[in-house]
């Protein structure tokens, strides 16, 4: 199971949002590249990078794109990237600059034909972002709902060929209230045999242990955990997570 330190970029800065709300922003650094290098030096094997401006506007921001390129180049780590990926062209561009895996959410929900083509062409280099509020999938930077439950959406995407999902409980994201194990278990069980990365709500080592135990007993397809705010506040240490036998 991989640990993914999260780096969210807004206006060229490293930030965290509360429950995906753009009016609840906390800045944790002027330079996301410096933060990426910090996580690399602390032992990270992957980075999860999100362009929040792109996620909200639906198109890639030039300044943020340069930052992402620098993170890829300077850290040498595989980067999982999402935010504003709305077309096959953007997917190809991000992979071309060295991103290891691209996350699609809004595009997959609204254009199943595009999603299927991406799954066929890129396989595990595409992850489907499943962001759920009260069990219902949200898109467009979490600003709109599609009226479909997370489990139904995941089953539909798996039938189209999705090889990996990132499941986020929006209500827990940035709140340091713990992972929604029940929702995560249900999401993983909806797509047996397909890889799922857990995201949202990690508040301490107890959550890492809970996901590990859940994975062992109920959802063996959960193979990664994204950690955001808890790393920035010091509630959890990246080095400690890397010592857990996941």
Foldseek 3Di string as FASTA:
>chain_A
DAEAEEFEDDPQFTWFAALLDPVRIDTLGNHSLVVLQVLLVLPHQEYEYEHLVLLQPLADDPSVVVSVLSNCVVSVHAYEYEGNPQAPVVVVVVVVSPHQAYEDEVNCVVPVVRLLVCCVPPPQSYEYEAEDEVQFGAGNSSPGTDPDGLLVSLLVSVVSRHQEYEYEHSNQAPVLQAFPLVVVLSNLVSRAPGAYEYEGNNNAVVRLVVVVVCCVPGRVRHDYYYDYPNCSVVSYPPNVSVPDPD
